[in-house]
PDB file of N, CA and C in Angstrom:
ATOM      1  N   MET A   1      39.945  31.353  -2.055  1.00  0.00           N
ATOM      2  CA  MET A   1      38.537  31.486  -2.382  1.00  0.00           C
ATOM      3  C   MET A   1      38.097  30.391  -3.343  1.00  0.00           C
ATOM      4  N   SER A   2      38.961  30.116  -4.342  1.00  0.00           N
ATOM      5  CA  SER A   2      38.586  29.085  -5.309  1.00  0.00           C
ATOM      6  C   SER A   2      38.597  27.694  -4.661  1.00  0.00           C
ATOM      7  N   ARG A   3      39.403  27.549  -3.605  1.00  0.00           N
ATOM      8  CA  ARG A   3      39.435  26.257  -2.905  1.00  0.00           C
ATOM      9  C   ARG A   3      38.092  25.982  -2.215  1.00  0.00           C
ATOM     10  N   ILE A   4      37.486  26.997  -1.654  1.00  0.00           N
ATOM     11  CA  ILE A   4      36.178  26.849  -1.009  1.00  0.00           C
ATOM     12  C   ILE A   4      35.122  26.471  -2.048  1.00  0.00           C
ATOM     13  N   PHE A   5      35.153  27.132  -3.202  1.00  0.00           N
ATOM     14  CA  PHE A   5      34.197  26.794  -4.257  1.00  0.00           C
ATOM     15  C   PHE A   5      34.412  25.365  -4.753  1.00  0.00           C
ATOM     16  N   THR A   6      35.632  24.930  -4.830  1.00  0.00           N
ATOM     17  CA  THR A   6      35.927  23.559  -5.248  1.00  0.00           C
ATOM     18  C   THR A   6      35.375  22.561  -4.239  1.00  0.00           C
ATOM     19  N   GLN A   7      35.545  22.839  -2.962  1.00  0.00           N
ATOM     20  CA  GLN A   7      35.020  21.954  -1.931  1.00  0.00           C
ATOM     21  C   GLN A   7      33.491  21.918  -1.964  1.00  0.00           C
ATOM     22  N   ILE A   8      32.873  23.069  -2.128  1.00  0.00           N
ATOM     23  CA  ILE A   8      31.413  23.123  -2.218  1.00  0.00           C
ATOM     24  C   ILE A   8      30.923  22.353  -3.443  1.00  0.00           C
ATOM     25  N   PHE A   9      31.640  22.497  -4.550  1.00  0.00           N
ATOM     26  CA  PHE A   9      31.276  21.773  -5.768  1.00  0.00           C
ATOM     27  C   PHE A   9      31.310  20.264  -5.539  1.00  0.00           C
ATOM     28  N   TYR A  10      32.357  19.761  -4.895  1.00  0.00           N
ATOM     29  CA  TYR A  10      32.467  18.331  -4.647  1.00  0.00           C
ATOM     30  C   TYR A  10      31.394  17.824  -3.676  1.00  0.00           C
ATOM     31  N   VAL A  11      31.065  18.610  -2.687  1.00  0.00           N
ATOM     32  CA  VAL A  11      30.002  18.224  -1.752  1.00  0.00           C
ATOM     33  C   VAL A  11      28.671  18.130  -2.479  1.00  0.00           C
ATOM     34  N   LEU A  12      28.351  19.130  -3.303  1.00  0.00           N
ATOM     35  CA  LEU A  12      27.101  19.104  -4.058  1.00  0.00           C
ATOM     36  C   LEU A  12      27.072  17.954  -5.054  1.00  0.00           C
ATOM     37  N   LEU A  13      28.190  17.675  -5.681  1.00  0.00           N
ATOM     38  CA  LEU A  13      28.272  16.552  -6.608  1.00  0.00           C
ATOM     39  C   LEU A  13      28.039  15.232  -5.884  1.00  0.00           C
ATOM     40  N   PHE A  14      28.595  15.079  -4.702  1.00  0.00           N
ATOM     41  CA  PHE A  14      28.409  13.876  -3.902  1.00  0.00           C
ATOM     42  C   PHE A  14      26.943  13.705  -3.497  1.00  0.00           C
ATOM     43  N   VAL A  15      26.311  14.780  -3.060  1.00  0.00           N
ATOM     44  CA  VAL A  15      24.894  14.727  -2.664  1.00  0.00           C
ATOM     45  C   VAL A  15      24.022  14.377  -3.867  1.00  0.00           C
ATOM     46  N   TYR A  16      24.284  14.971  -5.004  1.00  0.00           N
ATOM     47  CA  TYR A  16      23.515  14.693  -6.220  1.00  0.00           C
ATOM     48  C   TYR A  16      23.680  13.238  -6.650  1.00  0.00           C
ATOM     49  N   ALA A  17      24.897  12.718  -6.609  1.00  0.00           N
ATOM     50  CA  ALA A  17      25.154  11.323  -6.991  1.00  0.00           C
ATOM     51  C   ALA A  17      24.460  10.365  -6.019  1.00  0.00           C
ATOM     52  N   GLY A  18      24.454  10.690  -4.752  1.00  0.00           N
ATOM     53  CA  GLY A  18      23.760   9.863  -3.757  1.00  0.00           C
ATOM     54  C   GLY A  18      22.265   9.853  -3.981  1.00  0.00           C
ATOM     55  N   ASN A  19      21.716  10.991  -4.378  1.00  0.00           N
ATOM     56  CA  ASN A  19      20.291  11.091  -4.660  1.00  0.00           C
ATOM     57  C   ASN A  19      19.913  10.231  -5.863  1.00  0.00           C
ATOM     58  N   ILE A  20      20.725  10.263  -6.895  1.00  0.00           N
ATOM     59  CA  ILE A  20      20.460   9.455  -8.086  1.00  0.00           C
ATOM     60  C   ILE A  20      20.552   7.969  -7.744  1.00  0.00           C
ATOM     61  N   ALA A  21      21.525   7.584  -6.930  1.00  0.00           N
ATOM     62  CA  ALA A  21      21.674   6.182  -6.536  1.00  0.00           C
ATOM     63  C   ALA A  21      20.478   5.718  -5.720  1.00  0.00           C
ATOM     64  N   ALA A  22      19.950   6.578  -4.851  1.00  0.00           N
ATOM     65  CA  ALA A  22      18.782   6.214  -4.050  1.00  0.00           C
ATOM     66  C   ALA A  22      17.557   6.039  -4.923  1.00  0.00           C
ATOM     67  N   GLN A  23      17.394   6.877  -5.938  1.00  0.00           N
ATOM     68  CA  GLN A  23      16.252   6.748  -6.835  1.00  0.00           C
ATOM     69  C   GLN A  23      16.365   5.500  -7.691  1.00  0.00           C
ATOM     70  N   ALA A  24      17.555   5.106  -8.027  1.00  0.00           N
ATOM     71  CA  ALA A  24      17.753   3.932  -8.867  1.00  0.00           C
ATOM     72  C   ALA A  24      17.351   2.658  -8.133  1.00  0.00           C
ATOM     73  N   GLN A  25      17.326   2.667  -6.817  1.00  0.00           N
ATOM     74  CA  GLN A  25      16.975   1.492  -6.037  1.00  0.00           C
ATOM     75  C   GLN A  25      15.467   1.336  -5.878  1.00  0.00           C
ATOM     76  N   SER A  26      14.685   2.315  -6.256  1.00  0.00           N
ATOM     77  CA  SER A  26      13.237   2.234  -6.151  1.00  0.00           C
ATOM     78  C   SER A  26      12.669   1.465  -7.337  1.00  0.00           C
ATOM     79  N   ILE A  27      11.641   0.659  -7.059  1.00  0.00           N
ATOM     80  CA  ILE A  27      10.950  -0.049  -8.134  1.00  0.00           C
ATOM     81  C   ILE A  27       9.492   0.371  -8.129  1.00  0.00           C
ATOM     82  N   THR A  28       8.852   0.283  -9.284  1.00  0.00           N
ATOM     83  CA  THR A  28       7.448   0.640  -9.418  1.00  0.00           C
ATOM     84  C   THR A  28       6.612  -0.632  -9.460  1.00  0.00           C
ATOM     85  N   VAL A  29       5.565  -0.656  -8.629  1.00  0.00           N
ATOM     86  CA  VAL A  29       4.634  -1.782  -8.581  1.00  0.00           C
ATOM     87  C   VAL A  29       3.316  -1.288  -9.156  1.00  0.00           C
ATOM     88  N   SER A  30       2.750  -2.020 -10.115  1.00  0.00           N
ATOM     89  CA  SER A  30       1.490  -1.583 -10.728  1.00  0.00           C
ATOM     90  C   SER A  30       0.659  -2.782 -11.130  1.00  0.00           C
ATOM     91  N   GLY A  31      -0.634  -2.529 -11.282  1.00  0.00           N
ATOM     92  CA  GLY A  31      -1.553  -3.598 -11.688  1.00  0.00           C
ATOM     93  C   GLY A  31      -2.994  -3.172 -11.506  1.00  0.00           C
ATOM     94  N   THR A  32      -3.891  -4.146 -11.407  1.00  0.00           N
ATOM     95  CA  THR A  32      -5.318  -3.882 -11.225  1.00  0.00           C
ATOM     96  C   THR A  32      -5.892  -4.811 -10.163  1.00  0.00           C
ATOM     97  N   VAL A  33      -6.970  -4.338  -9.525  1.00  0.00           N
ATOM     98  CA  VAL A  33      -7.699  -5.124  -8.537  1.00  0.00           C
ATOM     99  C   VAL A  33      -9.139  -5.217  -9.013  1.00  0.00           C
ATOM    100  N   LYS A  34      -9.668  -6.451  -9.102  1.00  0.00           N
ATOM    101  CA  LYS A  34     -11.029  -6.664  -9.604  1.00  0.00           C
ATOM    102  C   LYS A  34     -11.814  -7.562  -8.668  1.00  0.00           C
ATOM    103  N   ASP A  35     -13.134  -7.453  -8.777  1.00  0.00           N
ATOM    104  CA  ASP A  35     -14.036  -8.367  -8.104  1.00  0.00           C
ATOM    105  C   ASP A  35     -13.948  -9.714  -8.811  1.00  0.00           C
ATOM    106  N   LYS A  36     -13.808 -10.795  -8.054  1.00  0.00           N
ATOM    107  CA  LYS A  36     -13.601 -12.108  -8.668  1.00  0.00           C
ATOM    108  C   LYS A  36     -14.814 -12.568  -9.479  1.00  0.00           C
ATOM    109  N   GLN A  37     -16.026 -12.227  -9.037  1.00  0.00           N
ATOM    110  CA  GLN A  37     -17.226 -12.679  -9.743  1.00  0.00           C
ATOM    111  C   GLN A  37     -17.575 -11.792 -10.931  1.00  0.00           C
ATOM    112  N   SER A  38     -17.640 -10.487 -10.707  1.00  0.00           N
ATOM    113  CA  SER A  38     -18.102  -9.576 -11.762  1.00  0.00           C
ATOM    114  C   SER A  38     -16.978  -9.106 -12.684  1.00  0.00           C
ATOM    115  N   LYS A  39     -15.728  -9.273 -12.255  1.00  0.00           N
ATOM    116  CA  LYS A  39     -14.552  -8.830 -13.020  1.00  0.00           C
ATOM    117  C   LYS A  39     -14.483  -7.307 -13.179  1.00  0.00           C
ATOM    118  N   GLU A  40     -15.226  -6.578 -12.351  1.00  0.00           N
ATOM    119  CA  GLU A  40     -15.190  -5.111 -12.375  1.00  0.00           C
ATOM    120  C   GLU A  40     -14.073  -4.614 -11.466  1.00  0.00           C
ATOM    121  N   GLY A  41     -13.453  -3.492 -11.850  1.00  0.00           N
ATOM    122  CA  GLY A  41     -12.411  -2.890 -11.037  1.00  0.00           C
ATOM    123  C   GLY A  41     -12.974  -2.378  -9.723  1.00  0.00           C
ATOM    124  N   LEU A  42     -12.201  -2.508  -8.664  1.00  0.00           N
ATOM    125  CA  LEU A  42     -12.621  -2.050  -7.338  1.00  0.00           C
ATOM    126  C   LEU A  42     -11.842  -0.796  -6.951  1.00  0.00           C
ATOM    127  N   ALA A  43     -12.571   0.251  -6.613  1.00  0.00           N
ATOM    128  CA  ALA A  43     -11.951   1.521  -6.214  1.00  0.00           C
ATOM    129  C   ALA A  43     -11.704   1.537  -4.716  1.00  0.00           C
ATOM    130  N   GLY A  44     -10.564   2.068  -4.308  1.00  0.00           N
ATOM    131  CA  GLY A  44     -10.282   2.265  -2.888  1.00  0.00           C
ATOM    132  C   GLY A  44      -9.705   1.056  -2.177  1.00  0.00           C
ATOM    133  N   VAL A  45      -9.245   0.059  -2.899  1.00  0.00           N
ATOM    134  CA  VAL A  45      -8.620  -1.105  -2.270  1.00  0.00           C
ATOM    135  C   VAL A  45      -7.269  -0.683  -1.706  1.00  0.00           C
ATOM    136  N   SER A  46      -6.996  -1.056  -0.466  1.00  0.00           N
ATOM    137  CA  SER A  46      -5.728  -0.731   0.180  1.00  0.00           C
ATOM    138  C   SER A  46      -4.674  -1.746  -0.234  1.00  0.00           C
ATOM    139  N   LEU A  47      -3.545  -1.265  -0.754  1.00  0.00           N
ATOM    140  CA  LEU A  47      -2.451  -2.128  -1.196  1.00  0.00           C
ATOM    141  C   LEU A  47      -1.173  -1.745  -0.468  1.00  0.00           C
ATOM    142  N   THR A  48      -0.558  -2.698   0.202  1.00  0.00           N
ATOM    143  CA  THR A  48       0.678  -2.465   0.927  1.00  0.00           C
ATOM    144  C   THR A  48       1.630  -3.634   0.705  1.00  0.00           C
ATOM    145  N   ILE A  49       2.878  -3.422   1.047  1.00  0.00           N
ATOM    146  CA  ILE A  49       3.851  -4.507   1.035  1.00  0.00           C
ATOM    147  C   ILE A  49       3.976  -4.994   2.469  1.00  0.00           C
ATOM    148  N   LYS A  50       3.823  -6.304   2.647  1.00  0.00           N
ATOM    149  CA  LYS A  50       3.820  -6.896   3.980  1.00  0.00           C
ATOM    150  C   LYS A  50       5.104  -6.553   4.721  1.00  0.00           C
ATOM    151  N   GLY A  51       4.928  -6.057   5.947  1.00  0.00           N
ATOM    152  CA  GLY A  51       6.076  -5.708   6.772  1.00  0.00           C
ATOM    153  C   GLY A  51       6.598  -4.301   6.575  1.00  0.00           C
ATOM    154  N   GLN A  52       5.965  -3.527   5.697  1.00  0.00           N
ATOM    155  CA  GLN A  52       6.404  -2.154   5.467  1.00  0.00           C
ATOM    156  C   GLN A  52       5.230  -1.200   5.655  1.00  0.00           C
ATOM    157  N   SER A  53       5.547   0.038   5.946  1.00  0.00           N
ATOM    158  CA  SER A  53       4.506   1.055   6.023  1.00  0.00           C
ATOM    159  C   SER A  53       4.361   1.700   4.655  1.00  0.00           C
ATOM    160  N   GLY A  54       3.276   2.383   4.460  1.00  0.00           N
ATOM    161  CA  GLY A  54       3.035   3.031   3.177  1.00  0.00           C
ATOM    162  C   GLY A  54       2.346   2.088   2.216  1.00  0.00           C
ATOM    163  N   GLY A  55       2.038   2.591   1.059  1.00  0.00           N
ATOM    164  CA  GLY A  55       1.320   1.822   0.047  1.00  0.00           C
ATOM    165  C   GLY A  55       0.457   2.765  -0.757  1.00  0.00           C
ATOM    166  N   THR A  56      -0.666   2.257  -1.243  1.00  0.00           N
ATOM    167  CA  THR A  56      -1.550   3.085  -2.044  1.00  0.00           C
ATOM    168  C   THR A  56      -2.954   2.517  -2.003  1.00  0.00           C
ATOM    169  N   ALA A  57      -3.861   3.217  -2.660  1.00  0.00           N
ATOM    170  CA  ALA A  57      -5.231   2.739  -2.846  1.00  0.00           C
ATOM    171  C   ALA A  57      -5.511   2.711  -4.339  1.00  0.00           C
ATOM    172  N   SER A  58      -6.346   1.770  -4.750  1.00  0.00           N
ATOM    173  CA  SER A  58      -6.655   1.649  -6.176  1.00  0.00           C
ATOM    174  C   SER A  58      -7.548   2.797  -6.638  1.00  0.00           C
ATOM    175  N   THR A  59      -7.475   3.109  -7.925  1.00  0.00           N
ATOM    176  CA  THR A  59      -8.266   4.197  -8.514  1.00  0.00           C
ATOM    177  C   THR A  59      -9.681   3.703  -8.811  1.00  0.00           C
ATOM    178  N   SER A  60     -10.481   4.559  -9.432  1.00  0.00           N
ATOM    179  CA  SER A  60     -11.878   4.231  -9.697  1.00  0.00           C
ATOM    180  C   SER A  60     -12.060   3.030 -10.617  1.00  0.00           C
ATOM    181  N   ASN A  61     -11.078   2.742 -11.450  1.00  0.00           N
ATOM    182  CA  ASN A  61     -11.195   1.569 -12.332  1.00  0.00           C
ATOM    183  C   ASN A  61     -10.414   0.367 -11.800  1.00  0.00           C
ATOM    184  N   GLY A  62      -9.873   0.468 -10.593  1.00  0.00           N
ATOM    185  CA  GLY A  62      -9.183  -0.647  -9.960  1.00  0.00           C
ATOM    186  C   GLY A  62      -7.685  -0.687 -10.191  1.00  0.00           C
ATOM    187  N   SER A  63      -7.139   0.261 -10.923  1.00  0.00           N
ATOM    188  CA  SER A  63      -5.692   0.237 -11.186  1.00  0.00           C
ATOM    189  C   SER A  63      -4.931   0.865 -10.022  1.00  0.00           C
ATOM    190  N   PHE A  64      -3.679   0.454  -9.872  1.00  0.00           N
ATOM    191  CA  PHE A  64      -2.823   1.018  -8.823  1.00  0.00           C
ATOM    192  C   PHE A  64      -1.387   1.096  -9.319  1.00  0.00           C
ATOM    193  N   THR A  65      -0.663   2.053  -8.767  1.00  0.00           N
ATOM    194  CA  THR A  65       0.761   2.236  -9.049  1.00  0.00           C
ATOM    195  C   THR A  65       1.395   2.892  -7.834  1.00  0.00           C
ATOM    196  N   PHE A  66       2.523   2.348  -7.380  1.00  0.00           N
ATOM    197  CA  PHE A  66       3.295   2.993  -6.327  1.00  0.00           C
ATOM    198  C   PHE A  66       4.741   2.544  -6.419  1.00  0.00           C
ATOM    199  N   THR A  67       5.630   3.318  -5.818  1.00  0.00           N
ATOM    200  CA  THR A  67       7.043   2.968  -5.812  1.00  0.00           C
ATOM    201  C   THR A  67       7.441   2.495  -4.425  1.00  0.00           C
ATOM    202  N   THR A  68       8.430   1.622  -4.397  1.00  0.00           N
ATOM    203  CA  THR A  68       8.914   1.077  -3.134  1.00  0.00           C
ATOM    204  C   THR A  68      10.405   0.782  -3.250  1.00  0.00           C
ATOM    205  N   THR A  69      11.045   0.677  -2.109  1.00  0.00           N
ATOM    206  CA  THR A  69      12.447   0.293  -2.084  1.00  0.00           C
ATOM    207  C   THR A  69      12.609  -1.179  -1.714  1.00  0.00           C
ATOM    208  N   ALA A  70      11.485  -1.890  -1.584  1.00  0.00           N
ATOM    209  CA  ALA A  70      11.535  -3.321  -1.245  1.00  0.00           C
ATOM    210  C   ALA A  70      12.189  -4.110  -2.371  1.00  0.00           C
ATOM    211  N   LYS A  71      12.929  -5.108  -1.991  1.00  0.00           N
ATOM    212  CA  LYS A  71      13.585  -5.975  -2.967  1.00  0.00           C
ATOM    213  C   LYS A  71      12.659  -7.144  -3.305  1.00  0.00           C
ATOM    214  N   VAL A  72      12.676  -7.562  -4.569  1.00  0.00           N
ATOM    215  CA  VAL A  72      11.915  -8.730  -4.995  1.00  0.00           C
ATOM    216  C   VAL A  72      12.647  -9.952  -4.463  1.00  0.00           C
ATOM    217  N   PRO A  73      11.999 -10.951  -3.892  1.00  0.00           N
ATOM    218  CA  PRO A  73      10.560 -11.135  -3.770  1.00  0.00           C
ATOM    219  C   PRO A  73       9.994 -10.439  -2.534  1.00  0.00           C
ATOM    220  N   PHE A  74       8.735 -10.039  -2.617  1.00  0.00           N
ATOM    221  CA  PHE A  74       8.007  -9.468  -1.492  1.00  0.00           C
ATOM    222  C   PHE A  74       6.543  -9.883  -1.605  1.00  0.00           C
ATOM    223  N   THR A  75       5.794  -9.639  -0.537  1.00  0.00           N
ATOM    224  CA  THR A  75       4.388 -10.024  -0.498  1.00  0.00           C
ATOM    225  C   THR A  75       3.521  -8.776  -0.572  1.00  0.00           C
ATOM    226  N   LEU A  76       2.641  -8.727  -1.570  1.00  0.00           N
ATOM    227  CA  LEU A  76       1.707  -7.619  -1.752  1.00  0.00           C
ATOM    228  C   LEU A  76       0.396  -7.993  -1.064  1.00  0.00           C
ATOM    229  N   VAL A  77      -0.095  -7.108  -0.192  1.00  0.00           N
ATOM    230  CA  VAL A  77      -1.318  -7.361   0.573  1.00  0.00           C
ATOM    231  C   VAL A  77      -2.400  -6.414   0.088  1.00  0.00           C
ATOM    232  N   ALA A  78      -3.578  -6.968  -0.274  1.00  0.00           N
ATOM    233  CA  ALA A  78      -4.716  -6.164  -0.724  1.00  0.00           C
ATOM    234  C   ALA A  78      -5.886  -6.411   0.221  1.00  0.00           C
ATOM    235  N   SER A  79      -6.502  -5.324   0.715  1.00  0.00           N
ATOM    236  CA  SER A  79      -7.660  -5.459   1.604  1.00  0.00           C
ATOM    237  C   SER A  79      -8.698  -4.399   1.268  1.00  0.00           C
ATOM    238  N   TYR A  80      -9.965  -4.787   1.486  1.00  0.00           N
ATOM    239  CA  TYR A  80     -11.076  -3.913   1.138  1.00  0.00           C
ATOM    240  C   TYR A  80     -12.273  -4.300   1.991  1.00  0.00           C
ATOM    241  N   VAL A  81     -13.060  -3.323   2.406  1.00  0.00           N
ATOM    242  CA  VAL A  81     -14.228  -3.583   3.237  1.00  0.00           C
ATOM    243  C   VAL A  81     -15.227  -4.447   2.461  1.00  0.00           C
ATOM    244  N   GLY A  82     -15.674  -5.524   3.082  1.00  0.00           N
ATOM    245  CA  GLY A  82     -16.639  -6.421   2.450  1.00  0.00           C
ATOM    246  C   GLY A  82     -15.997  -7.523   1.623  1.00  0.00           C
ATOM    247  N   TYR A  83     -14.669  -7.504   1.535  1.00  0.00           N
ATOM    248  CA  TYR A  83     -13.926  -8.506   0.777  1.00  0.00           C
ATOM    249  C   TYR A  83     -12.854  -9.111   1.670  1.00  0.00           C
ATOM    250  N   GLY A  84     -12.433 -10.301   1.326  1.00  0.00           N
ATOM    251  CA  GLY A  84     -11.361 -10.943   2.067  1.00  0.00           C
ATOM    252  C   GLY A  84     -10.013 -10.325   1.715  1.00  0.00           C
ATOM    253  N   THR A  85      -9.096 -10.361   2.650  1.00  0.00           N
ATOM    254  CA  THR A  85      -7.741  -9.872   2.416  1.00  0.00           C
ATOM    255  C   THR A  85      -6.943 -10.954   1.689  1.00  0.00           C
ATOM    256  N   ILE A  86      -6.190 -10.548   0.667  1.00  0.00           N
ATOM    257  CA  ILE A  86      -5.354 -11.515  -0.032  1.00  0.00           C
ATOM    258  C   ILE A  86      -3.904 -11.070   0.013  1.00  0.00           C
ATOM    259  N   GLU A  87      -3.018 -12.047  -0.015  1.00  0.00           N
ATOM    260  CA  GLU A  87      -1.584 -11.798  -0.066  1.00  0.00           C
ATOM    261  C   GLU A  87      -1.044 -12.511  -1.292  1.00  0.00           C
ATOM    262  N   GLN A  88      -0.309 -11.786  -2.131  1.00  0.00           N
ATOM    263  CA  GLN A  88       0.266 -12.381  -3.329  1.00  0.00           C
ATOM    264  C   GLN A  88       1.766 -12.161  -3.334  1.00  0.00           C
ATOM    265  N   GLN A  89       2.489 -13.243  -3.516  1.00  0.00           N
ATOM    266  CA  GLN A  89       3.951 -13.177  -3.586  1.00  0.00           C
ATOM    267  C   GLN A  89       4.365 -12.617  -4.947  1.00  0.00           C
ATOM    268  N   VAL A  90       5.185 -11.582  -4.948  1.00  0.00           N
ATOM    269  CA  VAL A  90       5.709 -10.995  -6.184  1.00  0.00           C
ATOM    270  C   VAL A  90       7.164 -11.439  -6.296  1.00  0.00           C
ATOM    271  N   THR A  91       7.450 -12.245  -7.322  1.00  0.00           N
ATOM    272  CA  THR A  91       8.796 -12.784  -7.469  1.00  0.00           C
ATOM    273  C   THR A  91       9.492 -12.314  -8.750  1.00  0.00           C
ATOM    274  N   GLY A  92       8.725 -11.921  -9.737  1.00  0.00           N
ATOM    275  CA  GLY A  92       9.324 -11.517 -11.011  1.00  0.00           C
ATOM    276  C   GLY A  92       8.967 -10.091 -11.351  1.00  0.00           C
ATOM    277  N   SER A  93       8.145  -9.932 -12.375  1.00  0.00           N
ATOM    278  CA  SER A  93       7.751  -8.611 -12.843  1.00  0.00           C
ATOM    279  C   SER A  93       6.888  -7.903 -11.803  1.00  0.00           C
ATOM    280  N   THR A  94       7.135  -6.609 -11.632  1.00  0.00           N
ATOM    281  CA  THR A  94       6.351  -5.824 -10.675  1.00  0.00           C
ATOM    282  C   THR A  94       5.303  -4.971 -11.375  1.00  0.00           C
ATOM    283  N   SER A  95       5.085  -5.211 -12.674  1.00  0.00           N
ATOM    284  CA  SER A  95       4.038  -4.481 -13.390  1.00  0.00           C
ATOM    285  C   SER A  95       3.038  -5.493 -13.943  1.00  0.00           C
ATOM    286  N   GLY A  96       1.819  -5.035 -14.140  1.00  0.00           N
ATOM    287  CA  GLY A  96       0.776  -5.913 -14.671  1.00  0.00           C
ATOM    288  C   GLY A  96       0.300  -6.948 -13.677  1.00  0.00           C
ATOM    289  N   ILE A  97       0.360  -6.642 -12.385  1.00  0.00           N
ATOM    290  CA  ILE A  97      -0.103  -7.568 -11.353  1.00  0.00           C
ATOM    291  C   ILE A  97      -1.627  -7.519 -11.313  1.00  0.00           C
ATOM    292  N   ASN A  98      -2.278  -8.661 -11.447  1.00  0.00           N
ATOM    293  CA  ASN A  98      -3.736  -8.742 -11.415  1.00  0.00           C
ATOM    294  C   ASN A  98      -4.179  -9.452 -10.147  1.00  0.00           C
ATOM    295  N   LEU A  99      -4.984  -8.751  -9.358  1.00  0.00           N
ATOM    296  CA  LEU A  99      -5.506  -9.306  -8.114  1.00  0.00           C
ATOM    297  C   LEU A  99      -7.024  -9.396  -8.216  1.00  0.00           C
ATOM    298  N   GLU A 100      -7.600 -10.481  -7.695  1.00  0.00           N
ATOM    299  CA  GLU A 100      -9.048 -10.642  -7.668  1.00  0.00           C
ATOM    300  C   GLU A 100      -9.473 -10.907  -6.235  1.00  0.00           C
ATOM    301  N   LEU A 101     -10.366 -10.044  -5.736  1.00  0.00           N
ATOM    302  CA  LEU A 101     -10.856 -10.179  -4.367  1.00  0.00           C
ATOM    303  C   LEU A 101     -12.217 -10.860  -4.358  1.00  0.00           C
ATOM    304  N   GLU A 102     -12.426 -11.720  -3.359  1.00  0.00           N
ATOM    305  CA  GLU A 102     -13.709 -12.385  -3.173  1.00  0.00           C
ATOM    306  C   GLU A 102     -14.452 -11.722  -2.026  1.00  0.00           C
ATOM    307  N   THR A 103     -15.780 -11.662  -2.149  1.00  0.00           N
ATOM    308  CA  THR A 103     -16.574 -11.102  -1.062  1.00  0.00           C
ATOM    309  C   THR A 103     -16.457 -12.010   0.152  1.00  0.00           C
ATOM    310  N   ALA A 104     -16.508 -11.416   1.318  1.00  0.00           N
ATOM    311  CA  ALA A 104     -16.396 -12.161   2.565  1.00  0.00           C
ATOM    312  C   ALA A 104     -17.397 -11.603   3.566  1.00  0.00           C
ATOM    313  N   VAL A 105     -17.965 -12.488   4.335  1.00  0.00           N
ATOM    314  CA  VAL A 105     -18.916 -12.089   5.368  1.00  0.00           C
ATOM    315  C   VAL A 105     -18.202 -12.182   6.710  1.00  0.00           C
ATOM    316  N   VAL A 106     -18.254 -11.111   7.453  1.00  0.00           N
ATOM    317  CA  VAL A 106     -17.651 -11.088   8.779  1.00  0.00           C
ATOM    318  C   VAL A 106     -18.771 -10.936   9.786  1.00  0.00           C
ATOM    319  N   LEU A 107     -18.907 -11.937  10.641  1.00  0.00           N
ATOM    320  CA  LEU A 107     -19.938 -11.887  11.666  1.00  0.00           C
ATOM    321  C   LEU A 107     -19.351 -11.301  12.929  1.00  0.00           C
ATOM    322  N   GLY A 108     -20.049 -10.324  13.460  1.00  0.00           N
ATOM    323  CA  GLY A 108     -19.590  -9.710  14.702  1.00  0.00           C
ATOM    324  C   GLY A 108     -20.030 -10.541  15.891  1.00  0.00           C
ATOM    325  N   GLY A 109     -19.473 -10.258  17.019  1.00  0.00           N
ATOM    326  CA  GLY A 109     -19.845 -10.954  18.250  1.00  0.00           C
ATOM    327  C   GLY A 109     -21.153 -10.401  18.801  1.00  0.00           C
ATOM    328  N   ASP A 110     -21.654 -11.038  19.842  1.00  0.00           N
ATOM    329  CA  ASP A 110     -22.881 -10.598  20.485  1.00  0.00           C
ATOM    330  C   ASP A 110     -22.649  -9.262  21.187  1.00  0.00           C
ATOM    331  N   VAL A 111     -23.659  -8.421  21.128  1.00  0.00           N
ATOM    332  CA  VAL A 111     -23.628  -7.133  21.813  1.00  0.00           C
ATOM    333  C   VAL A 111     -24.710  -7.148  22.873  1.00  0.00           C
ATOM    334  N   VAL A 112     -24.345  -6.899  24.104  1.00  0.00           N
ATOM    335  CA  VAL A 112     -25.292  -6.897  25.212  1.00  0.00           C
ATOM    336  C   VAL A 112     -25.430  -5.459  25.699  1.00  0.00           C
ATOM    337  N   VAL A 113     -26.671  -4.981  25.708  1.00  0.00           N
ATOM    338  CA  VAL A 113     -26.961  -3.641  26.192  1.00  0.00           C
ATOM    339  C   VAL A 113     -27.819  -3.778  27.433  1.00  0.00           C
ATOM    340  N   SER A 114     -27.405  -3.157  28.509  1.00  0.00           N
ATOM    341  CA  SER A 114     -28.195  -3.209  29.739  1.00  0.00           C
ATOM    342  C   SER A 114     -28.294  -1.806  30.310  1.00  0.00           C
ATOM    343  N   ALA A 115     -29.387  -1.586  31.012  1.00  0.00           N
ATOM    344  CA  ALA A 115     -29.602  -0.278  31.626  1.00  0.00           C
ATOM    345  C   ALA A 115     -30.358  -0.473  32.924  1.00  0.00           C
ATOM    346  N   SER A 116     -30.215   0.456  33.799  1.00  0.00           N
ATOM    347  CA  SER A 116     -30.978   0.422  35.050  1.00  0.00           C
ATOM    348  C   SER A 116     -31.383   1.850  35.368  1.00  0.00           C
ATOM    349  N   ARG A 117     -32.472   1.914  36.081  1.00  0.00           N
ATOM    350  CA  ARG A 117     -32.982   3.223  36.464  1.00  0.00           C
ATOM    351  C   ARG A 117     -33.034   3.288  37.965  1.00  0.00           C
ATOM    352  N   THR A 118     -32.424   4.295  38.509  1.00  0.00           N
ATOM    353  CA  THR A 118     -32.476   4.454  39.949  1.00  0.00           C
ATOM    354  C   THR A 118     -33.315   5.700  40.237  1.00  0.00           C
ATOM    355  N   PRO A 119     -34.155   5.592  41.230  1.00  0.00           N
ATOM    356  CA  PRO A 119     -34.993   6.765  41.564  1.00  0.00           C
ATOM    357  C   PRO A 119     -34.113   7.918  42.055  1.00  0.00           C
ATOM    358  N   SER A 120     -34.480   9.096  41.661  1.00  0.00           N
ATOM    359  CA  SER A 120     -33.742  10.259  42.122  1.00  0.00           C
ATOM    360  C   SER A 120     -34.693  11.209  42.814  1.00  0.00           C
ATOM    361  N   ALA A 121     -34.179  11.861  43.806  1.00  0.00           N
ATOM    362  CA  ALA A 121     -34.994  12.798  44.576  1.00  0.00           C
ATOM    363  C   ALA A 121     -34.804  14.202  43.987  1.00  0.00           C
ATOM    364  N   TYR A 122     -35.922  14.862  43.750  1.00  0.00           N
ATOM    365  CA  TYR A 122     -35.861  16.223  43.225  1.00  0.00           C
ATOM    366  C   TYR A 122     -36.153  17.203  44.265  1.00  0.00           C
TER     367      TYR A 122
END
């Protein structure tokens, strides 16, 4: 009976140690996103690491924080409606990253609407 408890103890210890090792490999990325002209924080900016899924959105004052398992260096991508998308290479510190977005105009293509009326018999 004690042998079974010993085996269970070692399995749980192994799982716990693996969990701690996995958490140790995560890094925290944080910073702020601002409008380049007004220097005001932008809320709702989408921030992702290029080539990976997941990410975060900036808060009401433009700050962001998220964790990732990506190894430095990586490329941080910021995009927002009405602004150009920027990519910034992160090579050193992953905290205090300051991004400034510029407004961008996107012109849509031509839209052609056509209609025809055919007589119908009632």
